[in-house]
């Protein structure tokens, strides 16, 4: 299955490895000793999360993926414009 959910991967000193999370799917996370392994594991976790949600009749969030990214990028661009306008005054 191909899903378009945003995945965050970060290094955890405490766990001595990489944690992958899907912010749009509460509780959906995975661990790997490398970023690649964490990514492979989170893909499995996403499938299991969606499968379980479907069985339980829970609502499955629509991936915000590109929309979320667009919002972040527009926010950064808007901040840059505000910043540069203020510099000339």
N, C-alpha and C. Protein backbone atom coordinates (compact mmCIF):
# COMPACT_ATOMS: atom_id res chain seq x y z
N UNK A 1 0.83 -1.19 0.00
CA UNK A 1 0.00 0.00 0.00
C UNK A 1 0.87 1.25 0.00
N UNK A 2 0.40 2.26 -0.72
CA UNK A 2 1.15 3.52 -0.76
C UNK A 2 0.35 4.58 -0.03
N UNK A 3 0.96 5.16 0.99
CA UNK A 3 0.29 6.21 1.74
C UNK A 3 1.10 7.48 1.67
N UNK A 4 0.42 8.59 1.81
CA UNK A 4 1.10 9.87 1.67
C UNK A 4 1.16 10.64 2.99
N UNK A 5 1.31 9.92 4.08
CA UNK A 5 1.41 10.58 5.37
C UNK A 5 2.83 11.10 5.59
N UNK A 6 2.92 12.26 6.24
CA UNK A 6 4.23 12.82 6.57
C UNK A 6 4.86 11.96 7.66
N UNK A 7 6.15 11.68 7.50
CA UNK A 7 6.89 10.87 8.47
C UNK A 7 8.03 11.72 9.02
N UNK A 8 8.16 11.75 10.33
CA UNK A 8 9.28 12.45 10.96
C UNK A 8 10.22 11.40 11.53
N UNK A 9 11.51 11.56 11.25
CA UNK A 9 12.51 10.63 11.80
C UNK A 9 13.54 11.46 12.56
N UNK A 10 13.81 11.05 13.79
CA UNK A 10 14.82 11.78 14.56
C UNK A 10 15.64 10.80 15.39
N UNK A 11 16.84 11.23 15.75
CA UNK A 11 17.72 10.38 16.54
C UNK A 11 17.38 10.54 18.01
N UNK A 12 17.33 9.43 18.73
CA UNK A 12 17.05 9.44 20.16
C UNK A 12 18.28 8.94 20.91
N UNK A 13 18.92 9.85 21.66
CA UNK A 13 20.10 9.49 22.48
C UNK A 13 19.69 8.39 23.46
N UNK A 14 18.52 8.59 24.08
CA UNK A 14 18.02 7.68 25.11
C UNK A 14 17.88 6.25 24.57
N UNK A 15 17.33 6.13 23.35
CA UNK A 15 17.10 4.81 22.76
C UNK A 15 18.28 4.34 21.92
N UNK A 16 19.25 5.24 21.70
CA UNK A 16 20.41 4.95 20.85
C UNK A 16 19.99 4.44 19.49
N UNK A 17 19.06 5.14 18.87
CA UNK A 17 18.59 4.78 17.55
C UNK A 17 17.63 5.82 17.03
N UNK A 18 17.02 5.52 15.92
CA UNK A 18 16.13 6.47 15.26
C UNK A 18 14.67 6.13 15.54
N UNK A 19 13.90 7.16 15.82
CA UNK A 19 12.47 7.01 16.05
C UNK A 19 11.77 7.65 14.85
N UNK A 20 10.79 6.94 14.30
CA UNK A 20 9.98 7.48 13.21
C UNK A 20 8.56 7.61 13.73
N UNK A 21 7.94 8.76 13.47
CA UNK A 21 6.56 8.97 13.90
C UNK A 21 5.74 9.54 12.75
N UNK A 22 4.44 9.27 12.80
CA UNK A 22 3.50 9.83 11.83
C UNK A 22 2.55 10.72 12.63
N UNK A 23 2.80 12.04 12.64
CA UNK A 23 2.00 12.94 13.47
C UNK A 23 0.49 12.85 13.24
N UNK A 24 0.09 12.52 12.02
CA UNK A 24 -1.35 12.46 11.70
C UNK A 24 -2.02 11.18 12.21
N UNK A 25 -1.22 10.17 12.57
CA UNK A 25 -1.77 8.91 13.06
C UNK A 25 -1.33 8.74 14.52
N UNK A 26 -2.17 9.13 15.47
CA UNK A 26 -1.79 9.08 16.88
C UNK A 26 -1.27 7.72 17.32
N UNK A 27 -0.10 7.72 17.95
CA UNK A 27 0.47 6.49 18.47
C UNK A 27 1.23 5.67 17.44
N UNK A 28 1.28 6.16 16.21
CA UNK A 28 1.98 5.41 15.16
C UNK A 28 3.45 5.80 15.16
N UNK A 29 4.30 4.88 15.65
CA UNK A 29 5.72 5.15 15.69
C UNK A 29 6.50 3.86 15.47
N UNK A 30 7.78 4.00 15.18
CA UNK A 30 8.64 2.83 14.95
C UNK A 30 10.06 3.19 15.32
N UNK A 31 10.89 2.17 15.48
CA UNK A 31 12.27 2.35 15.88
C UNK A 31 13.19 1.64 14.90
N UNK A 32 14.37 2.21 14.69
CA UNK A 32 15.38 1.55 13.88
C UNK A 32 16.77 1.97 14.31
N UNK A 33 17.75 1.11 14.10
CA UNK A 33 19.13 1.47 14.45
C UNK A 33 19.69 2.47 13.45
N UNK A 34 19.09 2.51 12.25
CA UNK A 34 19.49 3.49 11.23
C UNK A 34 18.22 4.21 10.77
N UNK A 35 18.40 5.34 10.08
CA UNK A 35 17.24 6.06 9.54
C UNK A 35 16.47 5.18 8.56
N UNK A 36 17.21 4.43 7.75
CA UNK A 36 16.60 3.57 6.74
C UNK A 36 15.73 2.50 7.39
N UNK A 37 16.25 1.92 8.47
CA UNK A 37 15.51 0.87 9.18
C UNK A 37 14.25 1.46 9.82
N UNK A 38 14.38 2.64 10.40
CA UNK A 38 13.22 3.30 11.02
C UNK A 38 12.16 3.58 9.96
N UNK A 39 12.59 3.99 8.77
CA UNK A 39 11.66 4.26 7.67
C UNK A 39 10.95 2.99 7.22
N UNK A 40 11.71 1.89 7.08
CA UNK A 40 11.09 0.60 6.71
C UNK A 40 10.06 0.19 7.76
N UNK A 41 10.44 0.31 9.03
CA UNK A 41 9.55 -0.10 10.12
C UNK A 41 8.29 0.77 10.21
N UNK A 42 8.42 2.07 9.96
CA UNK A 42 7.24 2.95 10.07
C UNK A 42 6.25 2.66 8.95
N UNK A 43 6.76 2.23 7.80
CA UNK A 43 5.85 1.87 6.70
C UNK A 43 4.98 0.68 7.10
N UNK A 44 5.59 -0.28 7.79
CA UNK A 44 4.85 -1.44 8.30
C UNK A 44 3.85 -0.97 9.36
N UNK A 45 4.31 -0.08 10.25
CA UNK A 45 3.45 0.42 11.32
C UNK A 45 2.24 1.18 10.76
N UNK A 46 2.44 1.94 9.69
CA UNK A 46 1.34 2.69 9.06
C UNK A 46 0.29 1.69 8.55
N UNK A 47 0.74 0.67 7.85
CA UNK A 47 -0.20 -0.34 7.34
C UNK A 47 -0.99 -0.99 8.47
N UNK A 48 -0.29 -1.36 9.55
CA UNK A 48 -0.96 -1.98 10.70
C UNK A 48 -1.94 -1.01 11.37
N UNK A 49 -1.52 0.25 11.50
CA UNK A 49 -2.37 1.27 12.12
C UNK A 49 -3.67 1.41 11.32
N UNK A 50 -3.53 1.53 10.00
CA UNK A 50 -4.71 1.72 9.14
C UNK A 50 -5.60 0.49 9.14
N UNK A 51 -4.97 -0.69 9.11
CA UNK A 51 -5.72 -1.96 9.13
C UNK A 51 -6.55 -2.07 10.42
N UNK A 52 -5.91 -1.77 11.55
CA UNK A 52 -6.58 -1.83 12.85
C UNK A 52 -7.70 -0.80 12.94
N UNK A 53 -7.43 0.41 12.49
CA UNK A 53 -8.45 1.47 12.52
C UNK A 53 -9.67 1.07 11.70
N UNK A 54 -9.41 0.45 10.54
CA UNK A 54 -10.49 0.01 9.66
C UNK A 54 -11.34 -1.06 10.34
N UNK A 55 -10.67 -2.05 10.95
CA UNK A 55 -11.36 -3.13 11.66
C UNK A 55 -12.21 -2.59 12.81
N UNK A 56 -11.65 -1.60 13.54
CA UNK A 56 -12.34 -1.02 14.70
C UNK A 56 -13.39 0.02 14.30
N UNK A 57 -13.46 0.31 13.00
CA UNK A 57 -14.42 1.30 12.52
C UNK A 57 -14.06 2.73 12.90
N UNK A 58 -12.76 2.95 13.20
CA UNK A 58 -12.31 4.31 13.52
C UNK A 58 -12.13 5.12 12.25
N UNK A 59 -12.24 6.43 12.40
CA UNK A 59 -12.07 7.31 11.25
C UNK A 59 -10.58 7.37 10.90
N UNK A 60 -10.28 7.24 9.61
CA UNK A 60 -8.90 7.29 9.15
C UNK A 60 -8.63 8.70 8.62
N UNK A 61 -7.66 9.39 9.22
CA UNK A 61 -7.37 10.76 8.78
C UNK A 61 -6.88 10.79 7.34
N UNK A 62 -7.32 11.79 6.59
CA UNK A 62 -6.82 11.98 5.23
C UNK A 62 -5.42 12.57 5.36
N UNK A 63 -4.47 12.06 4.56
CA UNK A 63 -3.11 12.60 4.67
C UNK A 63 -3.07 14.08 4.28
N UNK A 64 -2.47 14.89 5.12
CA UNK A 64 -2.35 16.32 4.83
C UNK A 64 -1.07 16.57 4.04
N UNK A 65 -0.18 15.58 4.04
CA UNK A 65 1.10 15.63 3.32
C UNK A 65 1.47 16.92 2.63
N UNK A 66 1.10 17.06 1.35
CA UNK A 66 1.49 18.22 0.56
C UNK A 66 0.87 19.51 1.10
N UNK A 67 -0.38 19.43 1.56
CA UNK A 67 -1.04 20.62 2.10
C UNK A 67 -0.28 21.12 3.32
N UNK A 68 0.12 20.19 4.17
CA UNK A 68 0.87 20.52 5.37
C UNK A 68 2.19 21.18 4.97
N UNK A 69 2.88 20.59 4.03
CA UNK A 69 4.15 21.11 3.56
C UNK A 69 3.96 22.50 2.96
N UNK A 70 2.91 22.66 2.15
CA UNK A 70 2.63 23.94 1.52
C UNK A 70 2.41 25.02 2.59
N UNK A 71 1.66 24.69 3.63
CA UNK A 71 1.39 25.62 4.72
C UNK A 71 2.69 26.04 5.39
N UNK A 72 3.56 25.08 5.65
CA UNK A 72 4.85 25.37 6.29
C UNK A 72 5.69 26.25 5.39
N UNK A 73 5.78 25.90 4.11
CA UNK A 73 6.59 26.67 3.16
C UNK A 73 6.03 28.08 3.02
N UNK A 74 4.72 28.22 2.88
CA UNK A 74 4.10 29.54 2.76
C UNK A 74 4.37 30.36 4.02
N UNK A 75 4.32 29.71 5.18
CA UNK A 75 4.60 30.40 6.44
C UNK A 75 6.02 30.93 6.47
N UNK A 76 6.97 30.13 6.00
CA UNK A 76 8.37 30.53 5.98
C UNK A 76 8.56 31.68 4.99
N UNK A 77 7.94 31.57 3.81
CA UNK A 77 8.04 32.62 2.80
C UNK A 77 7.45 33.92 3.34
N UNK A 78 6.27 33.83 3.97
CA UNK A 78 5.61 35.01 4.53
C UNK A 78 6.50 35.64 5.60
N UNK A 79 7.13 34.84 6.42
CA UNK A 79 8.03 35.37 7.45
C UNK A 79 9.19 36.10 6.79
N UNK A 80 9.72 35.52 5.72
CA UNK A 80 10.84 36.15 4.99
C UNK A 80 10.45 37.50 4.42
N UNK A 81 9.21 37.58 3.88
CA UNK A 81 8.74 38.84 3.30
C UNK A 81 8.58 39.90 4.38
N UNK A 82 8.00 39.51 5.49
CA UNK A 82 7.80 40.44 6.60
C UNK A 82 9.15 40.93 7.08
N UNK A 83 10.10 40.01 7.17
CA UNK A 83 11.43 40.33 7.67
C UNK A 83 12.14 41.31 6.73
N UNK A 84 12.07 41.07 5.42
CA UNK A 84 12.77 41.92 4.47
C UNK A 84 12.09 43.30 4.35
N UNK A 85 10.76 43.35 4.50
CA UNK A 85 10.07 44.65 4.46
C UNK A 85 10.50 45.50 5.64
N UNK A 86 10.61 44.86 6.79
CA UNK A 86 11.00 45.57 8.00
C UNK A 86 12.43 46.10 7.93
N UNK A 87 13.29 45.43 7.18
CA UNK A 87 14.69 45.80 7.10
C UNK A 87 14.88 47.13 6.37
N UNK A 88 14.02 47.43 5.39
CA UNK A 88 14.17 48.64 4.60
C UNK A 88 13.67 49.89 5.30
N UNK A 89 12.85 49.73 6.32
CA UNK A 89 12.22 50.88 6.97
C UNK A 89 13.17 51.63 7.89
